[in-house]
PDB file of N, CA and C in Angstrom:
ATOM      1  N   MET A   1      14.734  -2.947  -0.903  1.00  0.00           N
ATOM      2  CA  MET A   1      13.274  -3.364  -0.744  1.00  0.00           C
ATOM      3  C   MET A   1      12.935  -3.025   0.565  1.00  0.00           C
ATOM      4  N   PRO A   2      11.672  -2.265   0.693  1.00  0.00           N
ATOM      5  CA  PRO A   2      11.257  -1.977   1.980  1.00  0.00           C
ATOM      6  C   PRO A   2      10.761  -3.089   2.738  1.00  0.00           C
ATOM      7  N   VAL A   3      10.731  -3.323   3.975  1.00  0.00           N
ATOM      8  CA  VAL A   3      10.416  -4.299   4.626  1.00  0.00           C
ATOM      9  C   VAL A   3       9.335  -3.696   5.787  1.00  0.00           C
ATOM     10  N   ALA A   4       8.169  -4.501   5.983  1.00  0.00           N
ATOM     11  CA  ALA A   4       7.163  -4.228   7.106  1.00  0.00           C
ATOM     12  C   ALA A   4       7.629  -4.437   8.145  1.00  0.00           C
ATOM     13  N   ARG A   5       7.529  -2.959   9.071  1.00  0.00           N
ATOM     14  CA  ARG A   5       8.180  -3.037  10.404  1.00  0.00           C
ATOM     15  C   ARG A   5       6.867  -3.098  11.393  1.00  0.00           C
ATOM     16  N   ARG A   6       7.254  -3.484  12.528  1.00  0.00           N
ATOM     17  CA  ARG A   6       6.337  -3.482  13.715  1.00  0.00           C
ATOM     18  C   ARG A   6       5.279  -2.419  13.897  1.00  0.00           C
ATOM     19  N   GLY A   7       3.977  -2.397  13.847  1.00  0.00           N
ATOM     20  CA  GLY A   7       3.283  -1.271  14.042  1.00  0.00           C
ATOM     21  C   GLY A   7       2.881  -0.805  12.506  1.00  0.00           C
ATOM     22  N   GLU A   8       3.716  -0.899  11.482  1.00  0.00           N
ATOM     23  CA  GLU A   8       3.126  -0.553  10.129  1.00  0.00           C
ATOM     24  C   GLU A   8       1.907  -1.048   9.770  1.00  0.00           C
ATOM     25  N   ILE A   9       0.920  -0.229   8.938  1.00  0.00           N
ATOM     26  CA  ILE A   9       0.213  -1.024   8.001  1.00  0.00           C
ATOM     27  C   ILE A   9       0.426  -0.998   6.599  1.00  0.00           C
ATOM     28  N   TRP A  10       0.333  -2.419   6.089  1.00  0.00           N
ATOM     29  CA  TRP A  10       0.774  -2.668   4.841  1.00  0.00           C
ATOM     30  C   TRP A  10      -0.390  -3.392   4.152  1.00  0.00           C
ATOM     31  N   LEU A  11      -0.769  -3.031   2.752  1.00  0.00           N
ATOM     32  CA  LEU A  11      -1.840  -3.616   2.049  1.00  0.00           C
ATOM     33  C   LEU A  11      -0.990  -5.173   1.503  1.00  0.00           C
ATOM     34  N   ILE A  12      -1.880  -6.041   2.054  1.00  0.00           N
ATOM     35  CA  ILE A  12      -1.324  -7.626   1.891  1.00  0.00           C
ATOM     36  C   ILE A  12      -2.277  -8.288   0.964  1.00  0.00           C
ATOM     37  N   ASP A  13      -1.760  -9.067   0.084  1.00  0.00           N
ATOM     38  CA  ASP A  13      -2.427  -9.976  -0.336  1.00  0.00           C
ATOM     39  C   ASP A  13      -2.807 -11.391   0.211  1.00  0.00           C
ATOM     40  N   LEU A  14      -3.997 -11.613   1.076  1.00  0.00           N
ATOM     41  CA  LEU A  14      -3.848 -12.664   1.779  1.00  0.00           C
ATOM     42  C   LEU A  14      -4.566 -13.916   0.983  1.00  0.00           C
ATOM     43  N   GLY A  15      -4.694 -13.885  -0.548  1.00  0.00           N
ATOM     44  CA  GLY A  15      -5.183 -15.054  -1.178  1.00  0.00           C
ATOM     45  C   GLY A  15      -6.293 -14.582  -1.919  1.00  0.00           C
ATOM     46  N   TYR A  16      -6.803 -15.729  -2.728  1.00  0.00           N
ATOM     47  CA  TYR A  16      -8.029 -15.546  -3.472  1.00  0.00           C
ATOM     48  C   TYR A  16      -9.133 -15.448  -2.633  1.00  0.00           C
ATOM     49  N   ALA A  17      -9.551 -16.142  -1.386  1.00  0.00           N
ATOM     50  CA  ALA A  17     -10.520 -16.138  -0.600  1.00  0.00           C
ATOM     51  C   ALA A  17     -10.494 -14.911   0.469  1.00  0.00           C
ATOM     52  N   ALA A  18      -9.626 -14.409   0.871  1.00  0.00           N
ATOM     53  CA  ALA A  18      -9.417 -13.527   1.881  1.00  0.00           C
ATOM     54  C   ALA A  18      -9.194 -12.050   1.115  1.00  0.00           C
ATOM     55  N   LYS A  19      -8.812 -12.133  -0.053  1.00  0.00           N
ATOM     56  CA  LYS A  19      -8.557 -10.673  -0.695  1.00  0.00           C
ATOM     57  C   LYS A  19      -7.283  -9.949  -0.512  1.00  0.00           C
ATOM     58  N   THR A  20      -7.237  -8.728  -0.866  1.00  0.00           N
ATOM     59  CA  THR A  20      -5.898  -8.193  -0.537  1.00  0.00           C
ATOM     60  C   THR A  20      -6.617  -7.022   0.818  1.00  0.00           C
ATOM     61  N   ARG A  21      -5.881  -6.825   1.829  1.00  0.00           N
ATOM     62  CA  ARG A  21      -6.372  -6.329   2.959  1.00  0.00           C
ATOM     63  C   ARG A  21      -5.413  -5.690   3.802  1.00  0.00           C
ATOM     64  N   PRO A  22      -5.592  -4.562   4.432  1.00  0.00           N
ATOM     65  CA  PRO A  22      -4.458  -3.561   5.254  1.00  0.00           C
ATOM     66  C   PRO A  22      -4.366  -4.619   6.501  1.00  0.00           C
ATOM     67  N   SER A  23      -2.942  -4.655   6.727  1.00  0.00           N
ATOM     68  CA  SER A  23      -2.872  -5.584   7.901  1.00  0.00           C
ATOM     69  C   SER A  23      -1.604  -4.941   8.560  1.00  0.00           C
ATOM     70  N   VAL A  24      -1.656  -5.269   9.908  1.00  0.00           N
ATOM     71  CA  VAL A  24      -0.661  -4.549  11.015  1.00  0.00           C
ATOM     72  C   VAL A  24       0.514  -5.368  11.271  1.00  0.00           C
ATOM     73  N   ALA A  25       1.741  -5.395  11.005  1.00  0.00           N
ATOM     74  CA  ALA A  25       3.018  -5.919  11.199  1.00  0.00           C
ATOM     75  C   ALA A  25       3.159  -5.879  12.760  1.00  0.00           C
ATOM     76  N   LEU A  26       3.303  -7.420  13.379  1.00  0.00           N
ATOM     77  CA  LEU A  26       3.338  -7.246  14.551  1.00  0.00           C
ATOM     78  C   LEU A  26       4.981  -7.938  15.004  1.00  0.00           C
ATOM     79  N   SER A  27       5.470  -8.640  13.981  1.00  0.00           N
ATOM     80  CA  SER A  27       6.693  -9.189  14.339  1.00  0.00           C
ATOM     81  C   SER A  27       7.948  -8.153  14.290  1.00  0.00           C
ATOM     82  N   VAL A  28       9.015  -8.440  15.120  1.00  0.00           N
ATOM     83  CA  VAL A  28      10.244  -7.825  15.317  1.00  0.00           C
ATOM     84  C   VAL A  28      11.026  -7.916  14.265  1.00  0.00           C
ATOM     85  N   ALA A  29      12.092  -7.066  13.861  1.00  0.00           N
ATOM     86  CA  ALA A  29      13.004  -7.185  12.951  1.00  0.00           C
ATOM     87  C   ALA A  29      13.760  -8.407  13.004  1.00  0.00           C
ATOM     88  N   PHE A  30      13.779  -9.139  11.482  1.00  0.00           N
ATOM     89  CA  PHE A  30      14.568 -10.480  11.477  1.00  0.00           C
ATOM     90  C   PHE A  30      16.283 -10.226  11.424  1.00  0.00           C
ATOM     91  N   GLY A  31      16.960 -11.058  11.520  1.00  0.00           N
ATOM     92  CA  GLY A  31      18.202 -11.004  11.347  1.00  0.00           C
ATOM     93  C   GLY A  31      18.800 -11.630  10.047  1.00  0.00           C
ATOM     94  N   ASP A  32      19.991 -11.831   9.961  1.00  0.00           N
ATOM     95  CA  ASP A  32      20.701 -12.295   8.554  1.00  0.00           C
ATOM     96  C   ASP A  32      20.445 -13.947   8.570  1.00  0.00           C
ATOM     97  N   ASP A  33      20.428 -14.269   9.704  1.00  0.00           N
ATOM     98  CA  ASP A  33      20.480 -15.803   9.753  1.00  0.00           C
ATOM     99  C   ASP A  33      18.844 -16.347  10.008  1.00  0.00           C
ATOM    100  N   ASP A  34      17.973 -15.294  10.052  1.00  0.00           N
ATOM    101  CA  ASP A  34      16.527 -15.979  10.338  1.00  0.00           C
ATOM    102  C   ASP A  34      16.087 -15.751   9.210  1.00  0.00           C
ATOM    103  N   ARG A  35      14.760 -16.561   8.820  1.00  0.00           N
ATOM    104  CA  ARG A  35      13.812 -16.482   7.688  1.00  0.00           C
ATOM    105  C   ARG A  35      13.127 -15.114   7.691  1.00  0.00           C
ATOM    106  N   ALA A  36      13.110 -14.589   6.224  1.00  0.00           N
ATOM    107  CA  ALA A  36      12.532 -13.339   6.053  1.00  0.00           C
ATOM    108  C   ALA A  36      10.839 -13.477   6.172  1.00  0.00           C
ATOM    109  N   ILE A  37      10.467 -13.656   7.257  1.00  0.00           N
ATOM    110  CA  ILE A  37       9.000 -13.844   7.507  1.00  0.00           C
ATOM    111  C   ILE A  37       8.518 -12.554   8.145  1.00  0.00           C
ATOM    112  N   VAL A  38       7.302 -12.232   7.857  1.00  0.00           N
ATOM    113  CA  VAL A  38       6.727 -10.815   8.695  1.00  0.00           C
ATOM    114  C   VAL A  38       5.288 -11.558   9.233  1.00  0.00           C
ATOM    115  N   SER A  39       5.098 -11.435  10.491  1.00  0.00           N
ATOM    116  CA  SER A  39       3.718 -11.776  11.202  1.00  0.00           C
ATOM    117  C   SER A  39       2.757 -10.615  11.067  1.00  0.00           C
ATOM    118  N   PHE A  40       1.437 -10.905  10.838  1.00  0.00           N
ATOM    119  CA  PHE A  40       0.697  -9.812  10.554  1.00  0.00           C
ATOM    120  C   PHE A  40      -0.792 -10.327  11.221  1.00  0.00           C
ATOM    121  N   VAL A  41      -1.465  -9.154  11.193  1.00  0.00           N
ATOM    122  CA  VAL A  41      -2.857  -9.069  11.577  1.00  0.00           C
ATOM    123  C   VAL A  41      -3.912  -8.522  10.574  1.00  0.00           C
ATOM    124  N   PRO A  42      -4.791  -9.088  10.224  1.00  0.00           N
ATOM    125  CA  PRO A  42      -5.632  -8.553   9.061  1.00  0.00           C
ATOM    126  C   PRO A  42      -6.518  -7.342   9.686  1.00  0.00           C
ATOM    127  N   ARG A  43      -6.829  -6.480   8.807  1.00  0.00           N
ATOM    128  CA  ARG A  43      -7.930  -5.490   9.115  1.00  0.00           C
ATOM    129  C   ARG A  43      -9.197  -5.886   8.205  1.00  0.00           C
ATOM    130  N   THR A  44     -10.238  -5.526   9.246  1.00  0.00           N
ATOM    131  CA  THR A  44     -11.604  -5.819   8.365  1.00  0.00           C
ATOM    132  C   THR A  44     -12.663  -4.679   8.647  1.00  0.00           C
ATOM    133  N   THR A  45     -13.304  -4.515   7.890  1.00  0.00           N
ATOM    134  CA  THR A  45     -14.304  -3.535   8.039  1.00  0.00           C
ATOM    135  C   THR A  45     -15.607  -3.901   8.714  1.00  0.00           C
ATOM    136  N   SER A  46     -15.841  -5.118   9.147  1.00  0.00           N
ATOM    137  CA  SER A  46     -16.605  -5.532   9.836  1.00  0.00           C
ATOM    138  C   SER A  46     -16.344  -5.553  11.255  1.00  0.00           C
ATOM    139  N   VAL A  47     -17.051  -4.713  12.058  1.00  0.00           N
ATOM    140  CA  VAL A  47     -16.629  -4.168  13.239  1.00  0.00           C
ATOM    141  C   VAL A  47     -17.470  -4.918  14.382  1.00  0.00           C
ATOM    142  N   ARG A  48     -18.080  -6.355  14.097  1.00  0.00           N
ATOM    143  CA  ARG A  48     -18.905  -6.628  15.169  1.00  0.00           C
ATOM    144  C   ARG A  48     -18.163  -6.736  16.201  1.00  0.00           C
ATOM    145  N   GLY A  49     -18.201  -6.492  17.357  1.00  0.00           N
ATOM    146  CA  GLY A  49     -17.470  -6.642  18.767  1.00  0.00           C
ATOM    147  C   GLY A  49     -17.435  -8.031  19.371  1.00  0.00           C
ATOM    148  N   THR A  50     -16.197  -8.167  19.106  1.00  0.00           N
ATOM    149  CA  THR A  50     -15.480  -9.662  19.994  1.00  0.00           C
ATOM    150  C   THR A  50     -14.390  -9.344  20.731  1.00  0.00           C
ATOM    151  N   ARG A  51     -14.016 -10.319  21.584  1.00  0.00           N
ATOM    152  CA  ARG A  51     -12.690  -9.909  22.308  1.00  0.00           C
ATOM    153  C   ARG A  51     -11.516 -10.336  21.352  1.00  0.00           C
ATOM    154  N   PHE A  52     -11.671 -10.814  20.379  1.00  0.00           N
ATOM    155  CA  PHE A  52     -10.479 -10.911  19.515  1.00  0.00           C
ATOM    156  C   PHE A  52     -10.326  -9.677  18.383  1.00  0.00           C
ATOM    157  N   ARG A  53     -10.935  -8.900  18.361  1.00  0.00           N
ATOM    158  CA  ARG A  53     -11.052  -7.724  17.478  1.00  0.00           C
ATOM    159  C   ARG A  53     -10.967  -6.401  18.084  1.00  0.00           C
ATOM    160  N   VAL A  54      -9.890  -5.596  17.689  1.00  0.00           N
ATOM    161  CA  VAL A  54      -9.525  -4.401  18.160  1.00  0.00           C
ATOM    162  C   VAL A  54      -9.820  -3.457  17.047  1.00  0.00           C
ATOM    163  N   THR A  55     -10.708  -2.871  17.704  1.00  0.00           N
ATOM    164  CA  THR A  55     -11.488  -1.203  16.832  1.00  0.00           C
ATOM    165  C   THR A  55     -10.143  -0.345  16.252  1.00  0.00           C
ATOM    166  N   HIS A  56     -10.307   0.061  15.155  1.00  0.00           N
ATOM    167  CA  HIS A  56      -9.292   0.889  14.646  1.00  0.00           C
ATOM    168  C   HIS A  56      -9.756   1.812  13.536  1.00  0.00           C
ATOM    169  N   ASP A  57     -10.066   3.194  13.986  1.00  0.00           N
ATOM    170  CA  ASP A  57     -10.502   4.226  13.240  1.00  0.00           C
ATOM    171  C   ASP A  57      -9.358   5.351  13.103  1.00  0.00           C
ATOM    172  N   ALA A  58      -9.056   5.215  11.962  1.00  0.00           N
ATOM    173  CA  ALA A  58      -7.982   6.224  11.766  1.00  0.00           C
ATOM    174  C   ALA A  58      -8.418   7.109  10.327  1.00  0.00           C
ATOM    175  N   ARG A  59      -7.878   8.341  10.267  1.00  0.00           N
ATOM    176  CA  ARG A  59      -7.753   9.143   8.942  1.00  0.00           C
ATOM    177  C   ARG A  59      -7.159   8.363   7.711  1.00  0.00           C
ATOM    178  N   GLY A  60      -8.064   8.197   6.660  1.00  0.00           N
ATOM    179  CA  GLY A  60      -7.799   7.329   5.554  1.00  0.00           C
ATOM    180  C   GLY A  60      -8.291   6.130   5.350  1.00  0.00           C
ATOM    181  N   PHE A  61      -8.941   5.594   6.357  1.00  0.00           N
ATOM    182  CA  PHE A  61      -9.621   4.309   6.539  1.00  0.00           C
ATOM    183  C   PHE A  61     -10.737   4.436   6.880  1.00  0.00           C
ATOM    184  N   ASP A  62     -11.469   3.491   6.310  1.00  0.00           N
ATOM    185  CA  ASP A  62     -12.998   3.122   6.717  1.00  0.00           C
ATOM    186  C   ASP A  62     -12.782   2.730   8.066  1.00  0.00           C
ATOM    187  N   PRO A  63     -14.277   2.712   8.878  1.00  0.00           N
ATOM    188  CA  PRO A  63     -14.113   2.339   9.968  1.00  0.00           C
ATOM    189  C   PRO A  63     -13.941   0.743  10.153  1.00  0.00           C
ATOM    190  N   GLY A  64     -13.346   0.133  11.079  1.00  0.00           N
ATOM    191  CA  GLY A  64     -12.932  -1.097  11.198  1.00  0.00           C
ATOM    192  C   GLY A  64     -12.085  -1.724  12.224  1.00  0.00           C
ATOM    193  N   ALA A  65     -11.729  -2.932  12.076  1.00  0.00           N
ATOM    194  CA  ALA A  65     -10.948  -3.210  13.274  1.00  0.00           C
ATOM    195  C   ALA A  65      -9.926  -4.657  12.631  1.00  0.00           C
ATOM    196  N   PHE A  66      -8.589  -4.614  13.802  1.00  0.00           N
ATOM    197  CA  PHE A  66      -7.745  -5.599  13.551  1.00  0.00           C
ATOM    198  C   PHE A  66      -8.420  -6.836  13.880  1.00  0.00           C
ATOM    199  N   GLU A  67      -8.325  -7.904  13.203  1.00  0.00           N
ATOM    200  CA  GLU A  67      -8.794  -9.435  13.726  1.00  0.00           C
ATOM    201  C   GLU A  67      -7.643 -10.396  14.217  1.00  0.00           C
ATOM    202  N   ALA A  68      -7.901 -10.469  15.639  1.00  0.00           N
ATOM    203  CA  ALA A  68      -6.621 -11.307  15.951  1.00  0.00           C
ATOM    204  C   ALA A  68      -6.581 -12.830  15.748  1.00  0.00           C
ATOM    205  N   ARG A  69      -7.672 -13.171  15.215  1.00  0.00           N
ATOM    206  CA  ARG A  69      -7.628 -14.763  14.852  1.00  0.00           C
ATOM    207  C   ARG A  69      -7.280 -14.901  13.450  1.00  0.00           C
ATOM    208  N   GLY A  70      -6.820 -13.730  12.762  1.00  0.00           N
ATOM    209  CA  GLY A  70      -6.224 -13.954  11.418  1.00  0.00           C
ATOM    210  C   GLY A  70      -4.748 -13.677  11.485  1.00  0.00           C
ATOM    211  N   ILE A  71      -4.126 -13.981  12.665  1.00  0.00           N
ATOM    212  CA  ILE A  71      -2.734 -13.951  12.592  1.00  0.00           C
ATOM    213  C   ILE A  71      -2.216 -14.828  11.859  1.00  0.00           C
ATOM    214  N   SER A  72      -1.199 -14.240  11.313  1.00  0.00           N
ATOM    215  CA  SER A  72      -0.346 -15.267  10.066  1.00  0.00           C
ATOM    216  C   SER A  72       1.166 -14.457   9.912  1.00  0.00           C
ATOM    217  N   GLY A  73       1.626 -15.483   9.076  1.00  0.00           N
ATOM    218  CA  GLY A  73       3.166 -14.959   8.633  1.00  0.00           C
ATOM    219  C   GLY A  73       3.410 -15.040   7.052  1.00  0.00           C
ATOM    220  N   ILE A  74       4.124 -14.208   6.460  1.00  0.00           N
ATOM    221  CA  ILE A  74       4.121 -14.250   4.856  1.00  0.00           C
ATOM    222  C   ILE A  74       5.641 -13.831   4.827  1.00  0.00           C
ATOM    223  N   PRO A  75       6.448 -14.433   3.757  1.00  0.00           N
ATOM    224  CA  PRO A  75       7.686 -13.663   3.265  1.00  0.00           C
ATOM    225  C   PRO A  75       7.746 -12.242   3.179  1.00  0.00           C
ATOM    226  N   SER A  76       8.732 -11.765   3.696  1.00  0.00           N
ATOM    227  CA  SER A  76       8.648 -10.337   3.608  1.00  0.00           C
ATOM    228  C   SER A  76       8.701  -9.722   2.354  1.00  0.00           C
ATOM    229  N   VAL A  77       8.802 -10.198   1.189  1.00  0.00           N
ATOM    230  CA  VAL A  77       8.846  -9.606   0.153  1.00  0.00           C
ATOM    231  C   VAL A  77       7.238  -9.786  -0.358  1.00  0.00           C
ATOM    232  N   ARG A  78       6.189 -10.146   0.346  1.00  0.00           N
ATOM    233  CA  ARG A  78       4.909  -9.945  -0.435  1.00  0.00           C
ATOM    234  C   ARG A  78       4.181  -8.952   0.269  1.00  0.00           C
ATOM    235  N   PRO A  79       4.308  -8.108   1.221  1.00  0.00           N
ATOM    236  CA  PRO A  79       3.738  -6.828   1.420  1.00  0.00           C
ATOM    237  C   PRO A  79       3.537  -6.020   0.320  1.00  0.00           C
ATOM    238  N   THR A  80       2.607  -5.580  -0.165  1.00  0.00           N
ATOM    239  CA  THR A  80       2.184  -4.686  -1.541  1.00  0.00           C
ATOM    240  C   THR A  80       2.797  -2.997  -1.254  1.00  0.00           C
ATOM    241  N   ARG A  81       2.101  -2.720  -0.119  1.00  0.00           N
ATOM    242  CA  ARG A  81       2.238  -1.011  -0.282  1.00  0.00           C
ATOM    243  C   ARG A  81       1.843  -0.750   1.097  1.00  0.00           C
ATOM    244  N   LYS A  82       2.881   0.405   1.939  1.00  0.00           N
ATOM    245  CA  LYS A  82       2.724   0.917   2.893  1.00  0.00           C
ATOM    246  C   LYS A  82       1.679   1.898   3.081  1.00  0.00           C
ATOM    247  N   LEU A  83       0.734   1.564   4.018  1.00  0.00           N
ATOM    248  CA  LEU A  83      -0.413   2.624   4.312  1.00  0.00           C
ATOM    249  C   LEU A  83      -0.336   3.578   5.441  1.00  0.00           C
ATOM    250  N   GLY A  84       0.691   3.278   6.359  1.00  0.00           N
ATOM    251  CA  GLY A  84       0.646   3.922   7.650  1.00  0.00           C
ATOM    252  C   GLY A  84       1.045   3.248   8.823  1.00  0.00           C
ATOM    253  N   THR A  85       0.753   3.654  10.027  1.00  0.00           N
ATOM    254  CA  THR A  85       1.498   3.351  11.076  1.00  0.00           C
ATOM    255  C   THR A  85       0.169   3.245  12.336  1.00  0.00           C
ATOM    256  N   VAL A  86       0.132   2.304  13.178  1.00  0.00           N
ATOM    257  CA  VAL A  86      -1.036   2.546  14.193  1.00  0.00           C
ATOM    258  C   VAL A  86      -0.401   3.231  15.333  1.00  0.00           C
ATOM    259  N   GLU A  87      -1.259   3.606  15.934  1.00  0.00           N
ATOM    260  CA  GLU A  87      -0.384   4.352  17.206  1.00  0.00           C
ATOM    261  C   GLU A  87      -0.233   3.239  18.522  1.00  0.00           C
ATOM    262  N   PRO A  88       0.706   3.683  19.406  1.00  0.00           N
ATOM    263  CA  PRO A  88       1.158   2.611  20.392  1.00  0.00           C
ATOM    264  C   PRO A  88      -0.144   1.953  21.057  1.00  0.00           C
ATOM    265  N   ALA A  89      -1.231   2.517  21.492  1.00  0.00           N
ATOM    266  CA  ALA A  89      -2.116   2.036  22.144  1.00  0.00           C
ATOM    267  C   ALA A  89      -2.842   1.212  21.594  1.00  0.00           C
ATOM    268  N   THR A  90      -3.091   1.171  20.098  1.00  0.00           N
ATOM    269  CA  THR A  90      -4.005   0.180  19.231  1.00  0.00           C
ATOM    270  C   THR A  90      -2.974  -1.157  18.696  1.00  0.00           C
ATOM    271  N   LEU A  91      -1.450  -0.743  18.951  1.00  0.00           N
ATOM    272  CA  LEU A  91      -0.594  -1.912  18.969  1.00  0.00           C
ATOM    273  C   LEU A  91      -0.745  -2.674  19.973  1.00  0.00           C
ATOM    274  N   ALA A  92      -0.545  -1.985  21.291  1.00  0.00           N
ATOM    275  CA  ALA A  92      -0.552  -2.725  22.493  1.00  0.00           C
ATOM    276  C   ALA A  92      -2.142  -3.677  22.499  1.00  0.00           C
ATOM    277  N   ALA A  93      -3.057  -2.976  22.171  1.00  0.00           N
ATOM    278  CA  ALA A  93      -4.409  -3.765  22.300  1.00  0.00           C
ATOM    279  C   ALA A  93      -4.636  -4.929  21.290  1.00  0.00           C
ATOM    280  N   VAL A  94      -3.964  -4.786  19.999  1.00  0.00           N
ATOM    281  CA  VAL A  94      -3.795  -5.963  18.921  1.00  0.00           C
ATOM    282  C   VAL A  94      -2.793  -6.980  19.712  1.00  0.00           C
ATOM    283  N   ASP A  95      -1.858  -6.774  20.373  1.00  0.00           N
ATOM    284  CA  ASP A  95      -1.004  -7.640  20.840  1.00  0.00           C
ATOM    285  C   ASP A  95      -1.717  -8.494  22.202  1.00  0.00           C
ATOM    286  N   THR A  96      -2.557  -7.781  22.863  1.00  0.00           N
ATOM    287  CA  THR A  96      -3.355  -8.320  23.698  1.00  0.00           C
ATOM    288  C   THR A  96      -4.418  -9.366  23.399  1.00  0.00           C
ATOM    289  N   ALA A  97      -4.967  -8.811  22.246  1.00  0.00           N
ATOM    290  CA  ALA A  97      -5.769  -9.795  21.612  1.00  0.00           C
ATOM    291  C   ALA A  97      -5.306 -11.182  20.794  1.00  0.00           C
ATOM    292  N   VAL A  98      -4.278 -10.952  20.378  1.00  0.00           N
ATOM    293  CA  VAL A  98      -3.476 -11.995  19.648  1.00  0.00           C
ATOM    294  C   VAL A  98      -3.016 -13.252  21.109  1.00  0.00           C
ATOM    295  N   ARG A  99      -2.511 -12.334  22.045  1.00  0.00           N
ATOM    296  CA  ARG A  99      -2.139 -13.279  23.109  1.00  0.00           C
ATOM    297  C   ARG A  99      -3.523 -13.985  23.805  1.00  0.00           C
ATOM    298  N   LEU A 100      -4.572 -13.316  23.916  1.00  0.00           N
ATOM    299  CA  LEU A 100      -5.802 -14.016  24.398  1.00  0.00           C
ATOM    300  C   LEU A 100      -6.080 -15.129  23.443  1.00  0.00           C
ATOM    301  N   TRP A 101      -6.228 -14.737  22.220  1.00  0.00           N
ATOM    302  CA  TRP A 101      -6.503 -15.776  21.254  1.00  0.00           C
ATOM    303  C   TRP A 101      -5.704 -17.142  21.023  1.00  0.00           C
ATOM    304  N   LEU A 102      -4.356 -16.707  21.362  1.00  0.00           N
ATOM    305  CA  LEU A 102      -3.566 -17.942  21.480  1.00  0.00           C
ATOM    306  C   LEU A 102      -3.197 -18.766  22.821  1.00  0.00           C
ATOM    307  N   GLY A 103      -4.118 -17.961  23.702  1.00  0.00           N
ATOM    308  CA  GLY A 103      -3.935 -18.704  25.049  1.00  0.00           C
ATOM    309  C   GLY A 103      -2.850 -18.423  25.804  1.00  0.00           C
ATOM    310  N   LEU A 104      -2.360 -17.355  25.504  1.00  0.00           N
ATOM    311  CA  LEU A 104      -0.910 -16.924  26.303  1.00  0.00           C
ATOM    312  C   LEU A 104      -1.275 -15.755  27.313  1.00  0.00           C
ATOM    313  N   ALA A 105      -2.341 -15.180  27.700  1.00  0.00           N
ATOM    314  CA  ALA A 105      -2.598 -13.870  28.397  1.00  0.00           C
ATOM    315  C   ALA A 105      -2.742 -14.759  30.009  1.00  0.00           C
TER     316      ALA A 105
END
């Protein structure tokens, strides 16, 4: 079964209220003794500029942004379909926004 890897964009079912959204995987690979959890940040088409949103314009996607405040984790079996991979600069910007949101900056 495919596993979402860091920097990949997957379609993830975020539940009834949040819908199914493209999301970027942030976590590193888990080991055999670890829980099979993938941490991710969802993508939204609402591009209101805040310090916790990272703009993402890529071929095949509507204009949008990754929302650092939506960071979450799910079992590795839940991602639905791989949609692509973010460029390294965007992944670094999402990392920075998440650290800022969590007070780790």
